[in-house]
Amino acid sequence: MNLLIDTNIILSIVRDRSGHKIMEYLNPYEESVYISFVNVAEIHSIAFQNKWGYSKMQILESFFTKVRVIDISDLLLPS
């Protein structure tokens, strides 16, 4: 099963010091995880508006290296 994660889940992962445990819970079999490029823009906007520090941004960037960023299309609507 592949996972398509929304911005709110990304926020939870970055804000929680044990964010990796959230991912382990959501994705115990380490399947492919996808986010849309809109999620990337939203989370960067939230980070900028809330003046996230270096450590939170490092967690965010680390998260981005572990997921696949995809384009939005009508194919995602049923998901």
C-alpha atoms as a PDB file:
ATOM      1  CA  MET A   1       0.000   0.000   0.000  1.00  0.00           C
ATOM      2  CA  ASN A   2       1.356   3.429  -0.926  1.00  0.00           C
ATOM      3  CA  LEU A   3       0.723   6.449   1.277  1.00  0.00           C
ATOM      4  CA  LEU A   4      -0.214   9.951   0.182  1.00  0.00           C
ATOM      5  CA  ILE A   5       0.494  12.238   3.128  1.00  0.00           C
ATOM      6  CA  ASP A   6      -1.129  15.633   3.629  1.00  0.00           C
ATOM      7  CA  THR A   7       0.355  18.815   5.081  1.00  0.00           C
ATOM      8  CA  ASN A   8      -1.178  18.256   8.534  1.00  0.00           C
ATOM      9  CA  ILE A   9       0.634  14.947   8.886  1.00  0.00           C
ATOM     10  CA  ILE A  10       3.894  16.569   7.812  1.00  0.00           C
ATOM     11  CA  LEU A  11       3.365  19.263  10.462  1.00  0.00           C
ATOM     12  CA  SER A  12       2.838  16.615  13.129  1.00  0.00           C
ATOM     13  CA  ILE A  13       5.990  14.791  12.099  1.00  0.00           C
ATOM     14  CA  VAL A  14       8.136  17.932  12.150  1.00  0.00           C
ATOM     15  CA  ARG A  15       6.700  19.395  15.361  1.00  0.00           C
ATOM     16  CA  ASP A  16       6.961  16.187  17.369  1.00  0.00           C
ATOM     17  CA  ARG A  17      10.458  15.327  18.582  1.00  0.00           C
ATOM     18  CA  SER A  18       9.617  11.674  17.955  1.00  0.00           C
ATOM     19  CA  GLY A  19       8.269  12.283  14.449  1.00  0.00           C
ATOM     20  CA  HIS A  20       9.963   9.138  13.215  1.00  0.00           C
ATOM     21  CA  LYS A  21       7.611   7.166  15.467  1.00  0.00           C
ATOM     22  CA  ILE A  22       4.636   8.712  13.683  1.00  0.00           C
ATOM     23  CA  MET A  23       6.042   7.494  10.383  1.00  0.00           C
ATOM     24  CA  GLU A  24       6.717   4.051  11.847  1.00  0.00           C
ATOM     25  CA  TYR A  25       3.076   3.914  12.959  1.00  0.00           C
ATOM     26  CA  LEU A  26       1.675   5.189   9.664  1.00  0.00           C
ATOM     27  CA  ASN A  27       4.011   3.151   7.515  1.00  0.00           C
ATOM     28  CA  PRO A  28       5.181   0.053   9.430  1.00  0.00           C
ATOM     29  CA  TYR A  29       6.152  -1.825   6.271  1.00  0.00           C
ATOM     30  CA  GLU A  30       8.112   1.096   4.821  1.00  0.00           C
ATOM     31  CA  GLU A  31       6.038   1.367   1.666  1.00  0.00           C
ATOM     32  CA  SER A  32       6.446   4.297  -0.706  1.00  0.00           C
ATOM     33  CA  VAL A  33       5.323   7.610   0.743  1.00  0.00           C
ATOM     34  CA  TYR A  34       4.156  10.429  -1.505  1.00  0.00           C
ATOM     35  CA  ILE A  35       3.430  14.101  -1.006  1.00  0.00           C
ATOM     36  CA  SER A  36       2.341  16.629  -3.576  1.00  0.00           C
ATOM     37  CA  PHE A  37       4.407  19.626  -4.556  1.00  0.00           C
ATOM     38  CA  VAL A  38       1.588  21.723  -3.042  1.00  0.00           C
ATOM     39  CA  ASN A  39       2.381  20.165   0.346  1.00  0.00           C
ATOM     40  CA  VAL A  40       5.988  21.252  -0.062  1.00  0.00           C
ATOM     41  CA  ALA A  41       4.922  24.833  -0.808  1.00  0.00           C
ATOM     42  CA  GLU A  42       2.421  24.882   2.079  1.00  0.00           C
ATOM     43  CA  ILE A  43       4.856  23.560   4.646  1.00  0.00           C
ATOM     44  CA  HIS A  44       7.586  25.976   3.538  1.00  0.00           C
ATOM     45  CA  SER A  45       5.088  28.841   3.840  1.00  0.00           C
ATOM     46  CA  ILE A  46       4.098  27.712   7.344  1.00  0.00           C
ATOM     47  CA  ALA A  47       7.753  27.375   8.324  1.00  0.00           C
ATOM     48  CA  PHE A  48       8.510  30.878   7.040  1.00  0.00           C
ATOM     49  CA  GLN A  49       5.478  32.459   8.727  1.00  0.00           C
ATOM     50  CA  ASN A  50       6.283  30.787  12.046  1.00  0.00           C
ATOM     51  CA  LYS A  51      10.022  31.474  11.786  1.00  0.00           C
ATOM     52  CA  TRP A  52      11.071  27.868  12.233  1.00  0.00           C
ATOM     53  CA  GLY A  53      14.583  27.424  13.470  1.00  0.00           C
ATOM     54  CA  TYR A  54      17.437  25.409  12.089  1.00  0.00           C
ATOM     55  CA  SER A  55      16.575  22.144  13.870  1.00  0.00           C
ATOM     56  CA  LYS A  56      12.956  22.062  12.667  1.00  0.00           C
ATOM     57  CA  MET A  57      14.034  22.875   9.136  1.00  0.00           C
ATOM     58  CA  GLN A  58      16.581  20.050   9.293  1.00  0.00           C
ATOM     59  CA  ILE A  59      13.829  17.628  10.327  1.00  0.00           C
ATOM     60  CA  LEU A  60      11.679  18.893   7.464  1.00  0.00           C
ATOM     61  CA  GLU A  61      14.444  18.557   4.889  1.00  0.00           C
ATOM     62  CA  SER A  62      15.255  15.078   6.183  1.00  0.00           C
ATOM     63  CA  PHE A  63      11.591  14.146   5.765  1.00  0.00           C
ATOM     64  CA  PHE A  64      11.636  15.426   2.181  1.00  0.00           C
ATOM     65  CA  THR A  65      14.557  13.134   1.344  1.00  0.00           C
ATOM     66  CA  LYS A  66      12.510  10.110   2.434  1.00  0.00           C
ATOM     67  CA  VAL A  67       9.384  10.788   0.378  1.00  0.00           C
ATOM     68  CA  ARG A  68       8.528  11.209  -3.272  1.00  0.00           C
ATOM     69  CA  VAL A  69       7.145  14.553  -4.380  1.00  0.00           C
ATOM     70  CA  ILE A  70       4.502  14.218  -7.075  1.00  0.00           C
ATOM     71  CA  ASP A  71       2.441  16.490  -9.271  1.00  0.00           C
ATOM     72  CA  ILE A  72      -1.270  16.939  -8.661  1.00  0.00           C
ATOM     73  CA  SER A  73      -3.644  15.498 -11.200  1.00  0.00           C
ATOM     74  CA  ASP A  74      -7.173  14.192 -11.447  1.00  0.00           C
ATOM     75  CA  LEU A  75      -5.754  10.741 -10.837  1.00  0.00           C
ATOM     76  CA  LEU A  76      -5.222  11.644  -7.177  1.00  0.00           C
ATOM     77  CA  LEU A  77      -8.821  12.638  -6.502  1.00  0.00           C
ATOM     78  CA  PRO A  78     -10.006   9.095  -5.750  1.00  0.00           C
ATOM     79  CA  SER A  79      -7.056   8.673  -3.356  1.00  0.00           C
END
